[in-house]
Amino acid sequence: MSAVYVNNLVINAGSDFSQSFSLQSSDTESALDLTNYTVESQLRKWSGSSNSVSFAATITNPPTLGRVFLNLTSEQTLSIKPGRYVYDILVVDNYDVKTRVVEGMVLVREGVTR
């Protein structure tokens, strides 16, 4: 699999959010083939928090290019209290083995215009 990539995000509350990632294999230094994998991603105030927000996380076609897309609607971002959070992205194989491929901090900023 690949090494864990650290990437920090900024989400503007009340706005649609999307972010794409291109994953690479640490073994071959080429695109991580995500064929037969699924992807999951959440943000939480801290890693042990019972409250979470799940990103709509998808693998884009073709999966051999290793691209992952995260999305939140404006309604979802509006419901997140401004502040700092943590998130990660897990890829899941056919045997339900989960591997963390991306992690980082999220800054949720409050908007002014309503």
PDB file of N, CA and C in Angstrom:
ATOM      1  N   MET A   1       0.869  -1.172   0.000  1.00  0.00           N
ATOM      2  CA  MET A   1       0.000   0.000   0.000  1.00  0.00           C
ATOM      3  C   MET A   1       0.907   1.224   0.000  1.00  0.00           C
ATOM      4  N   SER A   2       0.353   2.337   0.261  1.00  0.00           N
ATOM      5  CA  SER A   2       1.127   3.579   0.232  1.00  0.00           C
ATOM      6  C   SER A   2       1.375   4.089   1.643  1.00  0.00           C
ATOM      7  N   ALA A   3       2.319   4.994   1.770  1.00  0.00           N
ATOM      8  CA  ALA A   3       2.564   5.667   3.042  1.00  0.00           C
ATOM      9  C   ALA A   3       1.408   6.621   3.321  1.00  0.00           C
ATOM     10  N   VAL A   4       1.210   6.971   4.576  1.00  0.00           N
ATOM     11  CA  VAL A   4       0.135   7.901   4.939  1.00  0.00           C
ATOM     12  C   VAL A   4       0.555   9.307   4.533  1.00  0.00           C
ATOM     13  N   TYR A   5      -0.288   9.929   3.718  1.00  0.00           N
ATOM     14  CA  TYR A   5      -0.060  11.275   3.219  1.00  0.00           C
ATOM     15  C   TYR A   5      -0.759  12.249   4.154  1.00  0.00           C
ATOM     16  N   VAL A   6      -0.091  13.313   4.588  1.00  0.00           N
ATOM     17  CA  VAL A   6      -0.678  14.319   5.472  1.00  0.00           C
ATOM     18  C   VAL A   6      -1.068  15.529   4.635  1.00  0.00           C
ATOM     19  N   ASN A   7      -2.346  15.912   4.738  1.00  0.00           N
ATOM     20  CA  ASN A   7      -2.850  17.069   3.997  1.00  0.00           C
ATOM     21  C   ASN A   7      -3.886  17.773   4.866  1.00  0.00           C
ATOM     22  N   ASN A   8      -3.682  19.053   5.133  1.00  0.00           N
ATOM     23  CA  ASN A   8      -4.620  19.834   5.932  1.00  0.00           C
ATOM     24  C   ASN A   8      -5.642  20.504   5.026  1.00  0.00           C
ATOM     25  N   LEU A   9      -6.890  20.596   5.517  1.00  0.00           N
ATOM     26  CA  LEU A   9      -8.007  21.128   4.735  1.00  0.00           C
ATOM     27  C   LEU A   9      -8.610  22.349   5.414  1.00  0.00           C
ATOM     28  N   VAL A  10      -9.245  23.204   4.614  1.00  0.00           N
ATOM     29  CA  VAL A  10     -10.034  24.325   5.118  1.00  0.00           C
ATOM     30  C   VAL A  10     -11.437  24.185   4.530  1.00  0.00           C
ATOM     31  N   ILE A  11     -12.436  24.215   5.407  1.00  0.00           N
ATOM     32  CA  ILE A  11     -13.839  24.136   4.989  1.00  0.00           C
ATOM     33  C   ILE A  11     -14.518  25.415   5.416  1.00  0.00           C
ATOM     34  N   ASN A  12     -15.186  26.065   4.486  1.00  0.00           N
ATOM     35  CA  ASN A  12     -15.968  27.261   4.790  1.00  0.00           C
ATOM     36  C   ASN A  12     -17.399  26.838   5.092  1.00  0.00           C
ATOM     37  N   ALA A  13     -17.844  27.038   6.338  1.00  0.00           N
ATOM     38  CA  ALA A  13     -19.178  26.637   6.758  1.00  0.00           C
ATOM     39  C   ALA A  13     -20.229  27.301   5.879  1.00  0.00           C
ATOM     40  N   GLY A  14     -21.209  26.539   5.445  1.00  0.00           N
ATOM     41  CA  GLY A  14     -22.278  27.051   4.600  1.00  0.00           C
ATOM     42  C   GLY A  14     -21.969  26.992   3.119  1.00  0.00           C
ATOM     43  N   SER A  15     -20.774  26.521   2.750  1.00  0.00           N
ATOM     44  CA  SER A  15     -20.397  26.384   1.340  1.00  0.00           C
ATOM     45  C   SER A  15     -20.203  24.915   1.005  1.00  0.00           C
ATOM     46  N   ASP A  16     -20.416  24.561  -0.264  1.00  0.00           N
ATOM     47  CA  ASP A  16     -20.091  23.218  -0.710  1.00  0.00           C
ATOM     48  C   ASP A  16     -18.586  23.022  -0.593  1.00  0.00           C
ATOM     49  N   PHE A  17     -18.180  21.801  -0.259  1.00  0.00           N
ATOM     50  CA  PHE A  17     -16.763  21.480  -0.125  1.00  0.00           C
ATOM     51  C   PHE A  17     -16.446  20.251  -0.967  1.00  0.00           C
ATOM     52  N   SER A  18     -15.334  20.313  -1.676  1.00  0.00           N
ATOM     53  CA  SER A  18     -14.843  19.131  -2.380  1.00  0.00           C
ATOM     54  C   SER A  18     -13.326  19.187  -2.442  1.00  0.00           C
ATOM     55  N   GLN A  19     -12.727  18.027  -2.444  1.00  0.00           N
ATOM     56  CA  GLN A  19     -11.272  17.904  -2.502  1.00  0.00           C
ATOM     57  C   GLN A  19     -10.939  16.578  -3.166  1.00  0.00           C
ATOM     58  N   SER A  20      -9.981  16.599  -4.066  1.00  0.00           N
ATOM     59  CA  SER A  20      -9.537  15.354  -4.684  1.00  0.00           C
ATOM     60  C   SER A  20      -8.102  15.054  -4.277  1.00  0.00           C
ATOM     61  N   PHE A  21      -7.776  13.785  -4.263  1.00  0.00           N
ATOM     62  CA  PHE A  21      -6.443  13.305  -3.905  1.00  0.00           C
ATOM     63  C   PHE A  21      -5.996  12.305  -4.957  1.00  0.00           C
ATOM     64  N   SER A  22      -4.748  12.363  -5.330  1.00  0.00           N
ATOM     65  CA  SER A  22      -4.147  11.369  -6.217  1.00  0.00           C
ATOM     66  C   SER A  22      -3.170  10.558  -5.388  1.00  0.00           C
ATOM     67  N   LEU A  23      -3.498   9.296  -5.170  1.00  0.00           N
ATOM     68  CA  LEU A  23      -2.709   8.444  -4.294  1.00  0.00           C
ATOM     69  C   LEU A  23      -1.651   7.689  -5.081  1.00  0.00           C
ATOM     70  N   GLN A  24      -0.482   7.556  -4.465  1.00  0.00           N
ATOM     71  CA  GLN A  24       0.606   6.814  -5.088  1.00  0.00           C
ATOM     72  C   GLN A  24       1.042   5.675  -4.185  1.00  0.00           C
ATOM     73  N   SER A  25       1.492   4.597  -4.789  1.00  0.00           N
ATOM     74  CA  SER A  25       2.038   3.466  -4.059  1.00  0.00           C
ATOM     75  C   SER A  25       3.462   3.802  -3.625  1.00  0.00           C
ATOM     76  N   SER A  26       3.772   3.557  -2.360  1.00  0.00           N
ATOM     77  CA  SER A  26       5.130   3.816  -1.885  1.00  0.00           C
ATOM     78  C   SER A  26       6.108   2.773  -2.423  1.00  0.00           C
ATOM     79  N   ASP A  27       5.592   1.619  -2.861  1.00  0.00           N
ATOM     80  CA  ASP A  27       6.445   0.564  -3.396  1.00  0.00           C
ATOM     81  C   ASP A  27       6.899   0.861  -4.824  1.00  0.00           C
ATOM     82  N   THR A  28       5.954   1.301  -5.656  1.00  0.00           N
ATOM     83  CA  THR A  28       6.259   1.479  -7.081  1.00  0.00           C
ATOM     84  C   THR A  28       6.375   2.933  -7.495  1.00  0.00           C
ATOM     85  N   GLU A  29       5.998   3.860  -6.615  1.00  0.00           N
ATOM     86  CA  GLU A  29       5.980   5.290  -6.923  1.00  0.00           C
ATOM     87  C   GLU A  29       5.134   5.614  -8.150  1.00  0.00           C
ATOM     88  N   SER A  30       4.115   4.792  -8.391  1.00  0.00           N
ATOM     89  CA  SER A  30       3.147   5.044  -9.455  1.00  0.00           C
ATOM     90  C   SER A  30       1.767   5.121  -8.806  1.00  0.00           C
ATOM     91  N   ALA A  31       0.754   5.409  -9.604  1.00  0.00           N
ATOM     92  CA  ALA A  31      -0.603   5.543  -9.071  1.00  0.00           C
ATOM     93  C   ALA A  31      -1.015   4.279  -8.322  1.00  0.00           C
ATOM     94  N   LEU A  32      -1.673   4.466  -7.189  1.00  0.00           N
ATOM     95  CA  LEU A  32      -2.161   3.354  -6.386  1.00  0.00           C
ATOM     96  C   LEU A  32      -3.410   2.791  -7.053  1.00  0.00           C
ATOM     97  N   ASP A  33      -3.368   1.538  -7.468  1.00  0.00           N
ATOM     98  CA  ASP A  33      -4.501   0.896  -8.130  1.00  0.00           C
ATOM     99  C   ASP A  33      -5.582   0.602  -7.094  1.00  0.00           C
ATOM    100  N   LEU A  34      -6.722   1.281  -7.203  1.00  0.00           N
ATOM    101  CA  LEU A  34      -7.817   1.138  -6.245  1.00  0.00           C
ATOM    102  C   LEU A  34      -8.935   0.223  -6.764  1.00  0.00           C
ATOM    103  N   THR A  35      -8.627  -0.581  -7.763  1.00  0.00           N
ATOM    104  CA  THR A  35      -9.596  -1.553  -8.270  1.00  0.00           C
ATOM    105  C   THR A  35      -9.977  -2.504  -7.135  1.00  0.00           C
ATOM    106  N   ASN A  36     -11.268  -2.729  -6.961  1.00  0.00           N
ATOM    107  CA  ASN A  36     -11.830  -3.609  -5.917  1.00  0.00           C
ATOM    108  C   ASN A  36     -11.678  -3.046  -4.505  1.00  0.00           C
ATOM    109  N   TYR A  37     -11.479  -1.748  -4.373  1.00  0.00           N
ATOM    110  CA  TYR A  37     -11.436  -1.090  -3.075  1.00  0.00           C
ATOM    111  C   TYR A  37     -12.641  -0.153  -2.950  1.00  0.00           C
ATOM    112  N   THR A  38     -12.991   0.158  -1.715  1.00  0.00           N
ATOM    113  CA  THR A  38     -13.925   1.240  -1.418  1.00  0.00           C
ATOM    114  C   THR A  38     -13.159   2.236  -0.555  1.00  0.00           C
ATOM    115  N   VAL A  39     -13.782   3.367  -0.291  1.00  0.00           N
ATOM    116  CA  VAL A  39     -13.105   4.409   0.482  1.00  0.00           C
ATOM    117  C   VAL A  39     -14.074   4.993   1.502  1.00  0.00           C
ATOM    118  N   GLU A  40     -13.551   5.353   2.694  1.00  0.00           N
ATOM    119  CA  GLU A  40     -14.328   5.951   3.777  1.00  0.00           C
ATOM    120  C   GLU A  40     -13.555   7.142   4.322  1.00  0.00           C
ATOM    121  N   SER A  41     -14.280   8.157   4.787  1.00  0.00           N
ATOM    122  CA  SER A  41     -13.612   9.314   5.363  1.00  0.00           C
ATOM    123  C   SER A  41     -14.547  10.036   6.324  1.00  0.00           C
ATOM    124  N   GLN A  42     -13.999  10.448   7.461  1.00  0.00           N
ATOM    125  CA  GLN A  42     -14.753  11.200   8.463  1.00  0.00           C
ATOM    126  C   GLN A  42     -13.880  12.299   9.055  1.00  0.00           C
ATOM    127  N   LEU A  43     -14.554  13.308   9.613  1.00  0.00           N
ATOM    128  CA  LEU A  43     -13.859  14.285  10.440  1.00  0.00           C
ATOM    129  C   LEU A  43     -14.473  14.252  11.826  1.00  0.00           C
ATOM    130  N   ARG A  44     -13.639  14.505  12.820  1.00  0.00           N
ATOM    131  CA  ARG A  44     -14.043  14.515  14.227  1.00  0.00           C
ATOM    132  C   ARG A  44     -13.278  15.621  14.958  1.00  0.00           C
ATOM    133  N   LYS A  45     -13.806  16.059  16.072  1.00  0.00           N
ATOM    134  CA  LYS A  45     -13.127  17.087  16.879  1.00  0.00           C
ATOM    135  C   LYS A  45     -11.770  16.567  17.365  1.00  0.00           C
ATOM    136  N   TRP A  46     -11.710  15.334  17.763  1.00  0.00           N
ATOM    137  CA  TRP A  46     -10.470  14.629  18.094  1.00  0.00           C
ATOM    138  C   TRP A  46     -10.702  13.171  17.740  1.00  0.00           C
ATOM    139  N   SER A  47      -9.638  12.398  17.627  1.00  0.00           N
ATOM    140  CA  SER A  47      -9.758  11.040  17.097  1.00  0.00           C
ATOM    141  C   SER A  47     -10.682  10.146  17.917  1.00  0.00           C
ATOM    142  N   GLY A  48     -10.783  10.367  19.224  1.00  0.00           N
ATOM    143  CA  GLY A  48     -11.622   9.534  20.071  1.00  0.00           C
ATOM    144  C   GLY A  48     -13.056  10.023  20.228  1.00  0.00           C
ATOM    145  N   SER A  49     -13.415  11.113  19.580  1.00  0.00           N
ATOM    146  CA  SER A  49     -14.757  11.678  19.707  1.00  0.00           C
ATOM    147  C   SER A  49     -15.806  10.735  19.143  1.00  0.00           C
ATOM    148  N   SER A  50     -16.953  10.641  19.818  1.00  0.00           N
ATOM    149  CA  SER A  50     -18.046   9.798  19.317  1.00  0.00           C
ATOM    150  C   SER A  50     -18.851  10.513  18.231  1.00  0.00           C
ATOM    151  N   ASN A  51     -18.732  11.836  18.128  1.00  0.00           N
ATOM    152  CA  ASN A  51     -19.427  12.600  17.089  1.00  0.00           C
ATOM    153  C   ASN A  51     -18.541  12.712  15.861  1.00  0.00           C
ATOM    154  N   SER A  52     -19.130  12.474  14.692  1.00  0.00           N
ATOM    155  CA  SER A  52     -18.352  12.557  13.456  1.00  0.00           C
ATOM    156  C   SER A  52     -19.218  13.091  12.328  1.00  0.00           C
ATOM    157  N   VAL A  53     -18.570  13.560  11.297  1.00  0.00           N
ATOM    158  CA  VAL A  53     -19.218  13.950  10.046  1.00  0.00           C
ATOM    159  C   VAL A  53     -18.555  13.109   8.962  1.00  0.00           C
ATOM    160  N   SER A  54     -19.365  12.377   8.203  1.00  0.00           N
ATOM    161  CA  SER A  54     -18.827  11.532   7.137  1.00  0.00           C
ATOM    162  C   SER A  54     -18.811  12.298   5.824  1.00  0.00           C
ATOM    163  N   PHE A  55     -17.666  12.279   5.175  1.00  0.00           N
ATOM    164  CA  PHE A  55     -17.566  12.820   3.822  1.00  0.00           C
ATOM    165  C   PHE A  55     -18.214  11.836   2.855  1.00  0.00           C
ATOM    166  N   ALA A  56     -18.795  12.339   1.776  1.00  0.00           N
ATOM    167  CA  ALA A  56     -19.133  11.474   0.653  1.00  0.00           C
ATOM    168  C   ALA A  56     -17.799  11.205  -0.027  1.00  0.00           C
ATOM    169  N   ALA A  57     -17.304   9.984   0.096  1.00  0.00           N
ATOM    170  CA  ALA A  57     -15.977   9.632  -0.401  1.00  0.00           C
ATOM    171  C   ALA A  57     -16.116   8.620  -1.532  1.00  0.00           C
ATOM    172  N   THR A  58     -15.504   8.925  -2.663  1.00  0.00           N
ATOM    173  CA  THR A  58     -15.607   8.035  -3.825  1.00  0.00           C
ATOM    174  C   THR A  58     -14.250   7.870  -4.488  1.00  0.00           C
ATOM    175  N   ILE A  59     -14.127   6.780  -5.203  1.00  0.00           N
ATOM    176  CA  ILE A  59     -12.970   6.529  -6.057  1.00  0.00           C
ATOM    177  C   ILE A  59     -13.410   6.875  -7.467  1.00  0.00           C
ATOM    178  N   THR A  60     -12.666   7.745  -8.133  1.00  0.00           N
ATOM    179  CA  THR A  60     -13.059   8.160  -9.480  1.00  0.00           C
ATOM    180  C   THR A  60     -12.548   7.165 -10.515  1.00  0.00           C
ATOM    181  N   ASN A  61     -13.247   7.101 -11.631  1.00  0.00           N
ATOM    182  CA  ASN A  61     -12.868   6.179 -12.718  1.00  0.00           C
ATOM    183  C   ASN A  61     -11.800   6.781 -13.594  1.00  0.00           C
ATOM    184  N   PRO A  62     -10.884   5.976 -14.075  1.00  0.00           N
ATOM    185  CA  PRO A  62     -10.687   4.569 -13.742  1.00  0.00           C
ATOM    186  C   PRO A  62      -9.959   4.433 -12.408  1.00  0.00           C
ATOM    187  N   PRO A  63     -10.277   3.394 -11.634  1.00  0.00           N
ATOM    188  CA  PRO A  63      -9.663   3.233 -10.309  1.00  0.00           C
ATOM    189  C   PRO A  63      -8.152   2.979 -10.371  1.00  0.00           C
ATOM    190  N   THR A  64      -7.635   2.615 -11.510  1.00  0.00           N
ATOM    191  CA  THR A  64      -6.187   2.376 -11.648  1.00  0.00           C
ATOM    192  C   THR A  64      -5.372   3.657 -11.511  1.00  0.00           C
ATOM    193  N   LEU A  65      -6.033   4.827 -11.610  1.00  0.00           N
ATOM    194  CA  LEU A  65      -5.316   6.102 -11.473  1.00  0.00           C
ATOM    195  C   LEU A  65      -5.183   6.566 -10.025  1.00  0.00           C
ATOM    196  N   GLY A  66      -5.831   5.865  -9.078  1.00  0.00           N
ATOM    197  CA  GLY A  66      -5.655   6.168  -7.663  1.00  0.00           C
ATOM    198  C   GLY A  66      -6.236   7.478  -7.192  1.00  0.00           C
ATOM    199  N   ARG A  67      -7.334   7.919  -7.795  1.00  0.00           N
ATOM    200  CA  ARG A  67      -7.926   9.205  -7.399  1.00  0.00           C
ATOM    201  C   ARG A  67      -9.112   9.010  -6.465  1.00  0.00           C
ATOM    202  N   VAL A  68      -9.112   9.795  -5.373  1.00  0.00           N
ATOM    203  CA  VAL A  68     -10.177   9.770  -4.379  1.00  0.00           C
ATOM    204  C   VAL A  68     -10.777  11.172  -4.309  1.00  0.00           C
ATOM    205  N   PHE A  69     -12.104  11.239  -4.174  1.00  0.00           N
ATOM    206  CA  PHE A  69     -12.816  12.506  -4.150  1.00  0.00           C
ATOM    207  C   PHE A  69     -13.646  12.576  -2.876  1.00  0.00           C
ATOM    208  N   LEU A  70     -13.506  13.682  -2.118  1.00  0.00           N
ATOM    209  CA  LEU A  70     -14.316  13.930  -0.919  1.00  0.00           C
ATOM    210  C   LEU A  70     -15.267  15.080  -1.178  1.00  0.00           C
ATOM    211  N   ASN A  71     -16.464  14.993  -0.602  1.00  0.00           N
ATOM    212  CA  ASN A  71     -17.473  16.014  -0.840  1.00  0.00           C
ATOM    213  C   ASN A  71     -18.344  16.185   0.401  1.00  0.00           C
ATOM    214  N   LEU A  72     -18.714  17.434   0.687  1.00  0.00           N
ATOM    215  CA  LEU A  72     -19.732  17.782   1.685  1.00  0.00           C
ATOM    216  C   LEU A  72     -20.633  18.839   1.067  1.00  0.00           C
ATOM    217  N   THR A  73     -21.925  18.747   1.325  1.00  0.00           N
ATOM    218  CA  THR A  73     -22.860  19.754   0.820  1.00  0.00           C
ATOM    219  C   THR A  73     -22.814  20.990   1.712  1.00  0.00           C
ATOM    220  N   SER A  74     -23.376  22.079   1.219  1.00  0.00           N
ATOM    221  CA  SER A  74     -23.419  23.314   2.014  1.00  0.00           C
ATOM    222  C   SER A  74     -24.222  23.114   3.294  1.00  0.00           C
ATOM    223  N   GLU A  75     -25.271  22.292   3.245  1.00  0.00           N
ATOM    224  CA  GLU A  75     -26.057  22.006   4.452  1.00  0.00           C
ATOM    225  C   GLU A  75     -25.213  21.259   5.486  1.00  0.00           C
ATOM    226  N   GLN A  76     -24.382  20.330   5.021  1.00  0.00           N
ATOM    227  CA  GLN A  76     -23.522  19.594   5.946  1.00  0.00           C
ATOM    228  C   GLN A  76     -22.467  20.508   6.571  1.00  0.00           C
ATOM    229  N   THR A  77     -21.841  21.353   5.775  1.00  0.00           N
ATOM    230  CA  THR A  77     -20.794  22.221   6.325  1.00  0.00           C
ATOM    231  C   THR A  77     -21.380  23.257   7.274  1.00  0.00           C
ATOM    232  N   LEU A  78     -22.611  23.677   7.022  1.00  0.00           N
ATOM    233  CA  LEU A  78     -23.269  24.649   7.896  1.00  0.00           C
ATOM    234  C   LEU A  78     -23.525  24.064   9.282  1.00  0.00           C
ATOM    235  N   SER A  79     -23.693  22.742   9.349  1.00  0.00           N
ATOM    236  CA  SER A  79     -23.987  22.100  10.634  1.00  0.00           C
ATOM    237  C   SER A  79     -22.733  21.807  11.462  1.00  0.00           C
ATOM    238  N   ILE A  80     -21.557  22.078  10.899  1.00  0.00           N
ATOM    239  CA  ILE A  80     -20.300  21.836  11.628  1.00  0.00           C
ATOM    240  C   ILE A  80     -19.900  23.109  12.366  1.00  0.00           C
ATOM    241  N   LYS A  81     -19.706  22.989  13.667  1.00  0.00           N
ATOM    242  CA  LYS A  81     -19.295  24.138  14.475  1.00  0.00           C
ATOM    243  C   LYS A  81     -17.889  24.571  14.048  1.00  0.00           C
ATOM    244  N   PRO A  82     -17.669  25.865  13.831  1.00  0.00           N
ATOM    245  CA  PRO A  82     -16.332  26.334  13.450  1.00  0.00           C
ATOM    246  C   PRO A  82     -15.276  25.902  14.462  1.00  0.00           C
ATOM    247  N   GLY A  83     -14.095  25.602  13.953  1.00  0.00           N
ATOM    248  CA  GLY A  83     -12.994  25.189  14.817  1.00  0.00           C
ATOM    249  C   GLY A  83     -12.062  24.230  14.107  1.00  0.00           C
ATOM    250  N   ARG A  84     -11.212  23.579  14.883  1.00  0.00           N
ATOM    251  CA  ARG A  84     -10.225  22.637  14.344  1.00  0.00           C
ATOM    252  C   ARG A  84     -10.699  21.203  14.570  1.00  0.00           C
ATOM    253  N   TYR A  85     -10.455  20.367  13.574  1.00  0.00           N
ATOM    254  CA  TYR A  85     -10.859  18.971  13.587  1.00  0.00           C
ATOM    255  C   TYR A  85      -9.722  18.124  13.011  1.00  0.00           C
ATOM    256  N   VAL A  86      -9.880  16.808  13.092  1.00  0.00           N
ATOM    257  CA  VAL A  86      -8.983  15.872  12.426  1.00  0.00           C
ATOM    258  C   VAL A  86      -9.812  15.032  11.460  1.00  0.00           C
ATOM    259  N   TYR A  87      -9.157  14.509  10.426  1.00  0.00           N
ATOM    260  CA  TYR A  87      -9.836  13.636   9.477  1.00  0.00           C
ATOM    261  C   TYR A  87      -8.849  12.611   8.959  1.00  0.00           C
ATOM    262  N   ASP A  88      -9.393  11.578   8.348  1.00  0.00           N
ATOM    263  CA  ASP A  88      -8.556  10.641   7.623  1.00  0.00           C
ATOM    264  C   ASP A  88      -9.364  10.008   6.495  1.00  0.00           C
ATOM    265  N   ILE A  89      -8.646   9.347   5.610  1.00  0.00           N
ATOM    266  CA  ILE A  89      -9.251   8.596   4.506  1.00  0.00           C
ATOM    267  C   ILE A  89      -8.741   7.169   4.602  1.00  0.00           C
ATOM    268  N   LEU A  90      -9.666   6.222   4.596  1.00  0.00           N
ATOM    269  CA  LEU A  90      -9.325   4.812   4.635  1.00  0.00           C
ATOM    270  C   LEU A  90      -9.723   4.157   3.319  1.00  0.00           C
ATOM    271  N   VAL A  91      -8.867   3.294   2.792  1.00  0.00           N
ATOM    272  CA  VAL A  91      -9.260   2.439   1.684  1.00  0.00           C
ATOM    273  C   VAL A  91      -9.535   1.059   2.266  1.00  0.00           C
ATOM    274  N   VAL A  92     -10.566   0.403   1.739  1.00  0.00           N
ATOM    275  CA  VAL A  92     -11.037  -0.869   2.279  1.00  0.00           C
ATOM    276  C   VAL A  92     -11.012  -1.908   1.166  1.00  0.00           C
ATOM    277  N   ASP A  93     -10.335  -3.038   1.416  1.00  0.00           N
ATOM    278  CA  ASP A  93     -10.266  -4.077   0.383  1.00  0.00           C
ATOM    279  C   ASP A  93     -11.436  -5.047   0.498  1.00  0.00           C
ATOM    280  N   ASN A  94     -11.456  -6.072  -0.345  1.00  0.00           N
ATOM    281  CA  ASN A  94     -12.542  -7.058  -0.380  1.00  0.00           C
ATOM    282  C   ASN A  94     -12.691  -7.839   0.918  1.00  0.00           C
ATOM    283  N   TYR A  95     -11.640  -7.901   1.726  1.00  0.00           N
ATOM    284  CA  TYR A  95     -11.668  -8.646   2.985  1.00  0.00           C
ATOM    285  C   TYR A  95     -11.970  -7.738   4.176  1.00  0.00           C
ATOM    286  N   ASP A  96     -12.384  -6.507   3.903  1.00  0.00           N
ATOM    287  CA  ASP A  96     -12.708  -5.497   4.903  1.00  0.00           C
ATOM    288  C   ASP A  96     -11.475  -5.051   5.699  1.00  0.00           C
ATOM    289  N   VAL A  97     -10.297  -5.178   5.094  1.00  0.00           N
ATOM    290  CA  VAL A  97      -9.071  -4.672   5.702  1.00  0.00           C
ATOM    291  C   VAL A  97      -8.976  -3.187   5.362  1.00  0.00           C
ATOM    292  N   LYS A  98      -8.863  -2.364   6.396  1.00  0.00           N
ATOM    293  CA  LYS A  98      -8.845  -0.916   6.219  1.00  0.00           C
ATOM    294  C   LYS A  98      -7.426  -0.391   6.371  1.00  0.00           C
ATOM    295  N   THR A  99      -7.030   0.478   5.436  1.00  0.00           N
ATOM    296  CA  THR A  99      -5.707   1.078   5.464  1.00  0.00           C
ATOM    297  C   THR A  99      -5.837   2.588   5.358  1.00  0.00           C
ATOM    298  N   ARG A 100      -5.242   3.308   6.308  1.00  0.00           N
ATOM    299  CA  ARG A 100      -5.271   4.770   6.277  1.00  0.00           C
ATOM    300  C   ARG A 100      -4.271   5.242   5.227  1.00  0.00           C
ATOM    301  N   VAL A 101      -4.742   6.099   4.295  1.00  0.00           N
ATOM    302  CA  VAL A 101      -3.870   6.601   3.232  1.00  0.00           C
ATOM    303  C   VAL A 101      -3.664   8.109   3.300  1.00  0.00           C
ATOM    304  N   VAL A 102      -4.597   8.834   3.919  1.00  0.00           N
ATOM    305  CA  VAL A 102      -4.479  10.291   4.069  1.00  0.00           C
ATOM    306  C   VAL A 102      -4.991  10.648   5.459  1.00  0.00           C
ATOM    307  N   GLU A 103      -4.342  11.629   6.084  1.00  0.00           N
ATOM    308  CA  GLU A 103      -4.816  12.146   7.367  1.00  0.00           C
ATOM    309  C   GLU A 103      -4.397  13.601   7.477  1.00  0.00           C
ATOM    310  N   GLY A 104      -5.040  14.313   8.391  1.00  0.00           N
ATOM    311  CA  GLY A 104      -4.651  15.692   8.590  1.00  0.00           C
ATOM    312  C   GLY A 104      -5.623  16.449   9.481  1.00  0.00           C
ATOM    313  N   MET A 105      -5.418  17.749   9.526  1.00  0.00           N
ATOM    314  CA  MET A 105      -6.265  18.652  10.293  1.00  0.00           C
ATOM    315  C   MET A 105      -7.265  19.309   9.351  1.00  0.00           C
ATOM    316  N   VAL A 106      -8.411  19.716   9.910  1.00  0.00           N
ATOM    317  CA  VAL A 106      -9.415  20.460   9.168  1.00  0.00           C
ATOM    318  C   VAL A 106      -9.730  21.723   9.961  1.00  0.00           C
ATOM    319  N   LEU A 107      -9.679  22.856   9.295  1.00  0.00           N
ATOM    320  CA  LEU A 107     -10.112  24.112   9.893  1.00  0.00           C
ATOM    321  C   LEU A 107     -11.460  24.445   9.276  1.00  0.00           C
ATOM    322  N   VAL A 108     -12.498  24.514  10.116  1.00  0.00           N
ATOM    323  CA  VAL A 108     -13.827  24.919   9.653  1.00  0.00           C
ATOM    324  C   VAL A 108     -13.991  26.378  10.022  1.00  0.00           C
ATOM    325  N   ARG A 109     -14.188  27.212   8.994  1.00  0.00           N
ATOM    326  CA  ARG A 109     -14.310  28.663   9.200  1.00  0.00           C
ATOM    327  C   ARG A 109     -15.771  29.090   9.050  1.00  0.00           C
ATOM    328  N   GLU A 110     -16.192  29.940   9.952  1.00  0.00           N
ATOM    329  CA  GLU A 110     -17.564  30.458   9.936  1.00  0.00           C
ATOM    330  C   GLU A 110     -17.673  31.549   8.882  1.00  0.00           C
ATOM    331  N   GLY A 111     -18.754  31.519   8.116  1.00  0.00           N
ATOM    332  CA  GLY A 111     -19.003  32.528   7.121  1.00  0.00           C
ATOM    333  C   GLY A 111     -19.701  33.749   7.708  1.00  0.00           C
ATOM    334  N   VAL A 112     -19.768  34.799   6.935  1.00  0.00           N
ATOM    335  CA  VAL A 112     -20.414  36.035   7.362  1.00  0.00           C
ATOM    336  C   VAL A 112     -21.757  36.196   6.663  1.00  0.00           C
ATOM    337  N   THR A 113     -21.778  36.020   5.352  1.00  0.00           N
ATOM    338  CA  THR A 113     -22.998  36.201   4.566  1.00  0.00           C
ATOM    339  C   THR A 113     -23.928  35.021   4.777  1.00  0.00           C
ATOM    340  N   ARG A 114     -25.210  35.305   5.032  1.00  0.00           N
ATOM    341  CA  ARG A 114     -26.197  34.245   5.256  1.00  0.00           C
ATOM    342  C   ARG A 114     -27.279  34.294   4.209  1.00  0.00           C
TER     343      ARG A 114
END
